[in-house]
Amino acid sequence: MSLLVKKKRMRAVRWLLSHFERDHHMENFPGRGVLFYTIGAFLVLLLFQEKIAYAGILILSAGDAVSNIVGKHFGKIRTKLNPDKFIEGTLSGVIVSVPIAYYFVPNIVAAISASCIAMFLEMPNVKIFNFEIDDNLIIPLGACVTLSLFV
């Protein structure tokens, strides 16, 4: 499907992705975010306790989305790890993620720690063998590993 979107044969899907996907991914690998989100969700469901996995997936869903929106529209202070990301976005992602994590793992220290780690992992561009690892894979794994340390 990614190849068809790239060749502009699936206009409706391309239009939808253009509203959610980063511009450089639309040119190179349309649907990359959705694919890595699915892989990340599947991995945490496979590797962690149910409540921890749900918390990690929702931290990704809400925290990453809010950090992106707030950073793009209200961000003023760029991070040192990635000049395309903003401190305001990261902090808002943490604020939104803490109650979500706390709902599933009622330990406030665990919720704050997992949210901070997850949103910190959202900042840098991680590359392995010159292949950029999408934050939609890293965020839920980081959140779930952190929550697991407290349970």
N, C-alpha and C. Protein backbone atom coordinates (compact mmCIF):
# COMPACT_ATOMS: atom_id res chain seq x y z
N MET A 1 0.82 -1.18 0.00
CA MET A 1 0.00 0.00 0.00
C MET A 1 0.88 1.26 0.00
N SER A 2 1.99 1.18 0.75
CA SER A 2 2.90 2.32 0.79
C SER A 2 3.41 2.67 -0.60
N LEU A 3 3.76 1.66 -1.37
CA LEU A 3 4.25 1.89 -2.73
C LEU A 3 3.16 2.52 -3.61
N LEU A 4 1.93 2.04 -3.48
CA LEU A 4 0.82 2.61 -4.26
C LEU A 4 0.55 4.07 -3.87
N VAL A 5 0.66 4.37 -2.58
CA VAL A 5 0.46 5.74 -2.13
C VAL A 5 1.58 6.62 -2.68
N LYS A 6 2.80 6.10 -2.64
CA LYS A 6 3.95 6.85 -3.14
C LYS A 6 3.80 7.17 -4.63
N LYS A 7 3.24 6.24 -5.39
CA LYS A 7 3.05 6.45 -6.83
C LYS A 7 1.74 7.18 -7.13
N LYS A 8 1.07 7.64 -6.07
CA LYS A 8 -0.14 8.47 -6.17
C LYS A 8 -1.32 7.73 -6.81
N ARG A 9 -1.37 6.42 -6.63
CA ARG A 9 -2.50 5.66 -7.16
C ARG A 9 -3.64 5.53 -6.16
N MET A 10 -3.35 5.78 -4.90
CA MET A 10 -4.37 5.69 -3.86
C MET A 10 -4.56 7.09 -3.27
N ARG A 11 -5.28 7.91 -3.98
CA ARG A 11 -5.39 9.33 -3.62
C ARG A 11 -6.06 9.55 -2.27
N ALA A 12 -7.08 8.79 -1.95
CA ALA A 12 -7.79 8.98 -0.67
C ALA A 12 -6.87 8.63 0.50
N VAL A 13 -6.13 7.55 0.38
CA VAL A 13 -5.21 7.15 1.45
C VAL A 13 -4.08 8.17 1.54
N ARG A 14 -3.58 8.62 0.41
CA ARG A 14 -2.51 9.62 0.40
C ARG A 14 -2.98 10.91 1.07
N TRP A 15 -4.20 11.33 0.77
CA TRP A 15 -4.74 12.54 1.38
C TRP A 15 -4.82 12.38 2.91
N LEU A 16 -5.30 11.24 3.37
CA LEU A 16 -5.41 10.97 4.80
C LEU A 16 -4.03 10.97 5.46
N LEU A 17 -3.09 10.25 4.88
CA LEU A 17 -1.74 10.18 5.43
C LEU A 17 -1.06 11.55 5.44
N SER A 18 -1.36 12.38 4.44
CA SER A 18 -0.71 13.69 4.36
C SER A 18 -1.06 14.58 5.56
N HIS A 19 -2.16 14.27 6.23
CA HIS A 19 -2.55 15.04 7.41
C HIS A 19 -1.90 14.52 8.70
N PHE A 20 -1.37 13.31 8.67
CA PHE A 20 -0.82 12.72 9.88
C PHE A 20 0.66 12.35 9.78
N GLU A 21 1.14 12.15 8.59
CA GLU A 21 2.52 11.69 8.38
C GLU A 21 3.45 12.88 8.20
N ARG A 22 4.68 12.73 8.62
CA ARG A 22 5.68 13.78 8.40
C ARG A 22 5.97 13.88 6.91
N ASP A 23 6.30 15.10 6.46
CA ASP A 23 6.48 15.35 5.03
C ASP A 23 7.55 14.45 4.41
N HIS A 24 8.71 14.32 5.08
CA HIS A 24 9.78 13.52 4.49
C HIS A 24 9.41 12.03 4.45
N HIS A 25 8.55 11.59 5.34
CA HIS A 25 8.09 10.19 5.28
C HIS A 25 7.09 9.99 4.14
N MET A 26 6.32 11.02 3.83
CA MET A 26 5.38 10.90 2.71
C MET A 26 6.12 10.68 1.39
N GLU A 27 7.30 11.25 1.28
CA GLU A 27 8.08 11.08 0.06
C GLU A 27 8.81 9.74 0.02
N ASN A 28 9.33 9.31 1.18
CA ASN A 28 10.17 8.10 1.21
C ASN A 28 9.42 6.83 1.58
N PHE A 29 8.50 6.92 2.58
CA PHE A 29 7.87 5.72 3.12
C PHE A 29 6.50 6.10 3.69
N PRO A 30 5.50 6.36 2.83
CA PRO A 30 4.18 6.72 3.34
C PRO A 30 3.60 5.60 4.21
N GLY A 31 3.01 5.99 5.33
CA GLY A 31 2.42 5.01 6.23
C GLY A 31 3.39 4.47 7.26
N ARG A 32 4.57 5.02 7.29
CA ARG A 32 5.61 4.56 8.21
C ARG A 32 5.16 4.66 9.67
N GLY A 33 4.54 5.78 10.03
CA GLY A 33 4.07 5.98 11.40
C GLY A 33 3.05 4.93 11.82
N VAL A 34 2.11 4.65 10.94
CA VAL A 34 1.08 3.64 11.22
C VAL A 34 1.70 2.26 11.37
N LEU A 35 2.64 1.94 10.50
CA LEU A 35 3.29 0.64 10.56
C LEU A 35 4.06 0.47 11.88
N PHE A 36 4.85 1.47 12.26
CA PHE A 36 5.62 1.36 13.50
C PHE A 36 4.73 1.43 14.74
N TYR A 37 3.63 2.15 14.65
CA TYR A 37 2.66 2.17 15.76
C TYR A 37 2.12 0.75 15.97
N THR A 38 1.75 0.10 14.90
CA THR A 38 1.21 -1.26 14.98
C THR A 38 2.25 -2.23 15.53
N ILE A 39 3.48 -2.13 15.03
CA ILE A 39 4.55 -3.02 15.51
C ILE A 39 4.82 -2.76 17.00
N GLY A 40 4.89 -1.50 17.39
CA GLY A 40 5.13 -1.15 18.79
C GLY A 40 4.03 -1.67 19.70
N ALA A 41 2.77 -1.49 19.28
CA ALA A 41 1.64 -1.97 20.08
C ALA A 41 1.67 -3.49 20.18
N PHE A 42 1.94 -4.16 19.08
CA PHE A 42 2.00 -5.62 19.08
C PHE A 42 3.10 -6.13 20.01
N LEU A 43 4.27 -5.51 19.93
CA LEU A 43 5.39 -5.95 20.76
C LEU A 43 5.10 -5.80 22.25
N VAL A 44 4.54 -4.66 22.65
CA VAL A 44 4.28 -4.49 24.09
C VAL A 44 3.17 -5.41 24.56
N LEU A 45 2.19 -5.68 23.72
CA LEU A 45 1.14 -6.64 24.09
C LEU A 45 1.72 -8.05 24.24
N LEU A 46 2.71 -8.34 23.44
CA LEU A 46 3.36 -9.66 23.48
C LEU A 46 4.31 -9.80 24.67
N LEU A 47 5.02 -8.73 25.01
CA LEU A 47 6.11 -8.81 25.99
C LEU A 47 5.74 -8.43 27.43
N PHE A 48 4.67 -7.67 27.63
CA PHE A 48 4.39 -7.13 28.95
C PHE A 48 3.00 -7.53 29.44
N GLN A 49 2.82 -7.35 30.76
CA GLN A 49 1.50 -7.59 31.35
C GLN A 49 0.49 -6.69 30.67
N GLU A 50 -0.75 -7.13 30.65
CA GLU A 50 -1.81 -6.43 29.92
C GLU A 50 -1.93 -4.95 30.31
N LYS A 51 -2.01 -4.65 31.60
CA LYS A 51 -2.19 -3.26 32.02
C LYS A 51 -0.99 -2.39 31.66
N ILE A 52 0.19 -2.95 31.78
CA ILE A 52 1.40 -2.21 31.42
C ILE A 52 1.42 -1.95 29.91
N ALA A 53 1.04 -2.95 29.13
CA ALA A 53 1.01 -2.78 27.67
C ALA A 53 -0.02 -1.71 27.27
N TYR A 54 -1.20 -1.75 27.88
CA TYR A 54 -2.22 -0.74 27.58
C TYR A 54 -1.72 0.66 27.92
N ALA A 55 -1.04 0.78 29.06
CA ALA A 55 -0.50 2.08 29.45
C ALA A 55 0.51 2.57 28.42
N GLY A 56 1.41 1.68 27.98
CA GLY A 56 2.41 2.06 27.00
C GLY A 56 1.81 2.49 25.67
N ILE A 57 0.79 1.76 25.23
CA ILE A 57 0.13 2.10 23.97
C ILE A 57 -0.58 3.45 24.08
N LEU A 58 -1.25 3.69 25.20
CA LEU A 58 -1.96 4.96 25.35
C LEU A 58 -1.02 6.13 25.61
N ILE A 59 0.11 5.88 26.24
CA ILE A 59 1.12 6.95 26.36
C ILE A 59 1.59 7.35 24.96
N LEU A 60 1.80 6.36 24.11
CA LEU A 60 2.15 6.65 22.72
C LEU A 60 1.03 7.42 22.03
N SER A 61 -0.19 6.91 22.14
CA SER A 61 -1.32 7.53 21.44
C SER A 61 -1.56 8.97 21.86
N ALA A 62 -1.65 9.19 23.16
CA ALA A 62 -2.00 10.53 23.66
C ALA A 62 -0.76 11.41 23.81
N GLY A 63 0.25 10.91 24.50
CA GLY A 63 1.43 11.73 24.79
C GLY A 63 2.17 12.19 23.55
N ASP A 64 2.40 11.25 22.62
CA ASP A 64 3.12 11.59 21.39
C ASP A 64 2.30 12.55 20.53
N ALA A 65 1.00 12.32 20.46
CA ALA A 65 0.14 13.20 19.65
C ALA A 65 0.11 14.62 20.23
N VAL A 66 -0.08 14.71 21.54
CA VAL A 66 -0.14 16.03 22.18
C VAL A 66 1.20 16.75 22.07
N SER A 67 2.30 16.01 22.28
CA SER A 67 3.61 16.66 22.19
C SER A 67 3.86 17.21 20.79
N ASN A 68 3.42 16.49 19.79
CA ASN A 68 3.59 16.94 18.41
C ASN A 68 2.74 18.19 18.13
N ILE A 69 1.48 18.15 18.52
CA ILE A 69 0.58 19.28 18.26
C ILE A 69 1.02 20.53 19.01
N VAL A 70 1.29 20.38 20.31
CA VAL A 70 1.70 21.54 21.11
C VAL A 70 3.04 22.07 20.63
N GLY A 71 3.97 21.17 20.35
CA GLY A 71 5.28 21.61 19.87
C GLY A 71 5.19 22.38 18.57
N LYS A 72 4.41 21.88 17.62
CA LYS A 72 4.27 22.56 16.32
C LYS A 72 3.62 23.92 16.44
N HIS A 73 2.58 24.02 17.25
CA HIS A 73 1.79 25.25 17.27
C HIS A 73 2.18 26.25 18.36
N PHE A 74 2.78 25.76 19.45
CA PHE A 74 3.08 26.65 20.57
C PHE A 74 4.54 26.59 21.00
N GLY A 75 5.33 25.74 20.36
CA GLY A 75 6.72 25.56 20.78
C GLY A 75 7.59 26.77 20.52
N LYS A 76 8.38 27.10 21.51
CA LYS A 76 9.32 28.22 21.40
C LYS A 76 10.75 27.78 21.73
N ILE A 77 10.89 26.81 22.65
CA ILE A 77 12.21 26.39 23.11
C ILE A 77 12.56 25.05 22.47
N ARG A 78 13.53 25.05 21.59
CA ARG A 78 13.94 23.83 20.91
C ARG A 78 14.77 22.95 21.85
N THR A 79 14.65 21.64 21.66
CA THR A 79 15.45 20.72 22.49
C THR A 79 16.85 20.61 21.92
N LYS A 80 17.79 20.23 22.77
CA LYS A 80 19.18 20.05 22.33
C LYS A 80 19.34 18.73 21.56
N LEU A 81 18.49 17.74 21.87
CA LEU A 81 18.59 16.43 21.22
C LEU A 81 18.09 16.45 19.78
N ASN A 82 17.13 17.32 19.52
CA ASN A 82 16.56 17.38 18.18
C ASN A 82 15.99 18.79 17.97
N PRO A 83 16.59 19.57 17.11
CA PRO A 83 16.13 20.94 16.91
C PRO A 83 14.73 21.05 16.30
N ASP A 84 14.17 19.93 15.83
CA ASP A 84 12.81 19.95 15.30
C ASP A 84 11.76 19.75 16.39
N LYS A 85 12.20 19.45 17.63
CA LYS A 85 11.28 19.20 18.74
C LYS A 85 11.38 20.34 19.75
N PHE A 86 10.28 20.53 20.49
CA PHE A 86 10.20 21.64 21.43
C PHE A 86 9.93 21.16 22.85
N ILE A 87 10.52 21.86 23.81
CA ILE A 87 10.35 21.52 25.23
C ILE A 87 8.86 21.60 25.62
N GLU A 88 8.15 22.60 25.11
CA GLU A 88 6.73 22.74 25.45
C GLU A 88 5.93 21.51 25.02
N GLY A 89 6.28 20.96 23.87
CA GLY A 89 5.60 19.76 23.40
C GLY A 89 5.90 18.56 24.29
N THR A 90 7.17 18.41 24.64
CA THR A 90 7.57 17.29 25.50
C THR A 90 6.88 17.38 26.86
N LEU A 91 6.89 18.55 27.46
CA LEU A 91 6.24 18.70 28.78
C LEU A 91 4.74 18.45 28.71
N SER A 92 4.11 18.91 27.65
CA SER A 92 2.66 18.66 27.53
C SER A 92 2.39 17.17 27.33
N GLY A 93 3.26 16.48 26.62
CA GLY A 93 3.12 15.04 26.45
C GLY A 93 3.23 14.31 27.78
N VAL A 94 4.15 14.76 28.63
CA VAL A 94 4.30 14.17 29.97
C VAL A 94 3.05 14.43 30.79
N ILE A 95 2.56 15.65 30.78
CA ILE A 95 1.38 16.02 31.57
C ILE A 95 0.16 15.18 31.17
N VAL A 96 -0.01 14.94 29.90
CA VAL A 96 -1.14 14.14 29.42
C VAL A 96 -0.93 12.66 29.74
N SER A 97 0.31 12.20 29.69
CA SER A 97 0.61 10.77 29.86
C SER A 97 0.55 10.29 31.31
N VAL A 98 0.85 11.14 32.25
CA VAL A 98 0.89 10.71 33.66
C VAL A 98 -0.45 10.14 34.13
N PRO A 99 -1.57 10.83 33.95
CA PRO A 99 -2.83 10.23 34.42
C PRO A 99 -3.21 8.95 33.67
N ILE A 100 -2.82 8.85 32.42
CA ILE A 100 -3.09 7.63 31.65
C ILE A 100 -2.32 6.46 32.25
N ALA A 101 -1.03 6.66 32.49
CA ALA A 101 -0.22 5.60 33.08
C ALA A 101 -0.71 5.26 34.48
N TYR A 102 -1.08 6.27 35.23
CA TYR A 102 -1.54 6.06 36.61
C TYR A 102 -2.84 5.26 36.64
N TYR A 103 -3.68 5.44 35.67
CA TYR A 103 -4.94 4.69 35.60
C TYR A 103 -4.66 3.18 35.52
N PHE A 104 -3.67 2.80 34.76
CA PHE A 104 -3.37 1.38 34.56
C PHE A 104 -2.42 0.82 35.62
N VAL A 105 -1.50 1.64 36.09
CA VAL A 105 -0.54 1.23 37.11
C VAL A 105 -0.60 2.28 38.22
N PRO A 106 -1.46 2.07 39.22
CA PRO A 106 -1.69 3.11 40.24
C PRO A 106 -0.51 3.30 41.19
N ASN A 107 0.58 3.75 40.63
CA ASN A 107 1.79 4.11 41.37
C ASN A 107 2.27 5.40 40.73
N ILE A 108 2.13 6.50 41.46
CA ILE A 108 2.41 7.81 40.87
C ILE A 108 3.86 7.97 40.43
N VAL A 109 4.78 7.39 41.18
CA VAL A 109 6.19 7.47 40.79
C VAL A 109 6.42 6.72 39.48
N ALA A 110 5.80 5.56 39.34
CA ALA A 110 5.91 4.78 38.10
C ALA A 110 5.29 5.54 36.94
N ALA A 111 4.13 6.14 37.17
CA ALA A 111 3.44 6.87 36.10
C ALA A 111 4.27 8.06 35.63
N ILE A 112 4.81 8.81 36.57
CA ILE A 112 5.63 9.98 36.21
C ILE A 112 6.91 9.52 35.50
N SER A 113 7.55 8.49 36.05
CA SER A 113 8.80 8.00 35.45
C SER A 113 8.58 7.49 34.03
N ALA A 114 7.55 6.67 33.84
CA ALA A 114 7.28 6.12 32.51
C ALA A 114 6.93 7.21 31.51
N SER A 115 6.16 8.19 31.94
CA SER A 115 5.77 9.29 31.05
C SER A 115 6.98 10.14 30.66
N CYS A 116 7.84 10.42 31.64
CA CYS A 116 9.05 11.21 31.36
C CYS A 116 9.99 10.46 30.42
N ILE A 117 10.21 9.18 30.70
CA ILE A 117 11.09 8.38 29.85
C ILE A 117 10.53 8.30 28.43
N ALA A 118 9.23 8.02 28.31
CA ALA A 118 8.61 7.88 26.99
C ALA A 118 8.73 9.17 26.19
N MET A 119 8.45 10.30 26.81
CA MET A 119 8.51 11.57 26.08
C MET A 119 9.96 11.99 25.81
N PHE A 120 10.88 11.58 26.68
CA PHE A 120 12.31 11.82 26.41
C PHE A 120 12.73 11.02 25.18
N LEU A 121 12.27 9.76 25.10
CA LEU A 121 12.62 8.91 23.97
C LEU A 121 12.01 9.40 22.66
N GLU A 122 11.01 10.24 22.76
CA GLU A 122 10.36 10.80 21.57
C GLU A 122 11.24 11.87 20.91
N MET A 123 12.14 12.45 21.67
CA MET A 123 12.93 13.58 21.16
C MET A 123 13.98 13.22 20.12
N PRO A 124 14.92 12.32 20.40
CA PRO A 124 16.01 12.13 19.43
C PRO A 124 15.60 11.29 18.23
N ASN A 125 16.33 11.47 17.15
CA ASN A 125 16.19 10.58 15.99
C ASN A 125 17.18 9.44 16.18
N VAL A 126 16.67 8.25 16.42
CA VAL A 126 17.51 7.09 16.68
C VAL A 126 17.74 6.35 15.37
N LYS A 127 19.00 6.08 15.06
CA LYS A 127 19.34 5.35 13.84
C LYS A 127 20.15 4.11 14.19
N ILE A 128 19.81 3.02 13.54
CA ILE A 128 20.57 1.78 13.64
C ILE A 128 20.91 1.36 12.22
N PHE A 129 22.20 1.23 11.94
CA PHE A 129 22.67 0.89 10.59
C PHE A 129 22.08 1.84 9.55
N ASN A 130 22.09 3.13 9.88
CA ASN A 130 21.61 4.19 8.98
C ASN A 130 20.11 4.11 8.69
N PHE A 131 19.36 3.35 9.50
CA PHE A 131 17.90 3.27 9.37
C PHE A 131 17.28 3.93 10.59
N GLU A 132 16.45 4.94 10.35
CA GLU A 132 15.82 5.66 11.45
C GLU A 132 14.72 4.81 12.09
N ILE A 133 14.85 4.60 13.40
CA ILE A 133 13.85 3.86 14.16
C ILE A 133 12.77 4.85 14.58
N ASP A 134 11.57 4.59 14.18
CA ASP A 134 10.45 5.49 14.44
C ASP A 134 10.14 5.54 15.94
N ASP A 135 9.79 6.73 16.43
CA ASP A 135 9.47 6.86 17.85
C ASP A 135 8.20 6.10 18.24
N ASN A 136 7.37 5.74 17.26
CA ASN A 136 6.18 4.95 17.56
C ASN A 136 6.53 3.53 18.01
N LEU A 137 7.73 3.12 17.78
CA LEU A 137 8.22 1.83 18.28
C LEU A 137 8.93 2.02 19.62
N ILE A 138 9.69 3.08 19.74
CA ILE A 138 10.51 3.30 20.94
C ILE A 138 9.68 3.74 22.15
N ILE A 139 8.69 4.60 21.94
CA ILE A 139 7.92 5.15 23.05
C ILE A 139 7.20 4.07 23.86
N PRO A 140 6.39 3.19 23.24
CA PRO A 140 5.70 2.20 24.08
C PRO A 140 6.65 1.22 24.75
N LEU A 141 7.73 0.85 24.07
CA LEU A 141 8.70 -0.05 24.68
C LEU A 141 9.38 0.61 25.90
N GLY A 142 9.78 1.85 25.75
CA GLY A 142 10.41 2.56 26.86
C GLY A 142 9.46 2.74 28.03
N ALA A 143 8.22 3.11 27.74
CA ALA A 143 7.23 3.28 28.80
C ALA A 143 6.96 1.98 29.53
N CYS A 144 6.82 0.89 28.79
CA CYS A 144 6.52 -0.41 29.40
C CYS A 144 7.69 -0.97 30.20
N VAL A 145 8.89 -0.80 29.70
CA VAL A 145 10.07 -1.25 30.46
C VAL A 145 10.13 -0.48 31.78
N THR A 146 9.92 0.82 31.73
CA THR A 146 9.95 1.64 32.93
C THR A 146 8.86 1.22 33.92
N LEU A 147 7.64 1.05 33.42
CA LEU A 147 6.55 0.63 34.31
C LEU A 147 6.83 -0.73 34.93
N SER A 148 7.44 -1.61 34.15
CA SER A 148 7.76 -2.97 34.65
C SER A 148 8.73 -2.93 35.83
N LEU A 149 9.58 -1.93 35.87
CA LEU A 149 10.54 -1.82 36.96
C LEU A 149 9.86 -1.52 38.29
N PHE A 150 8.65 -0.97 38.23
CA PHE A 150 7.93 -0.59 39.45
C PHE A 150 6.89 -1.62 39.89
N VAL A 151 6.56 -2.55 39.04
CA VAL A 151 5.48 -3.51 39.36
C VAL A 151 6.05 -4.81 39.87
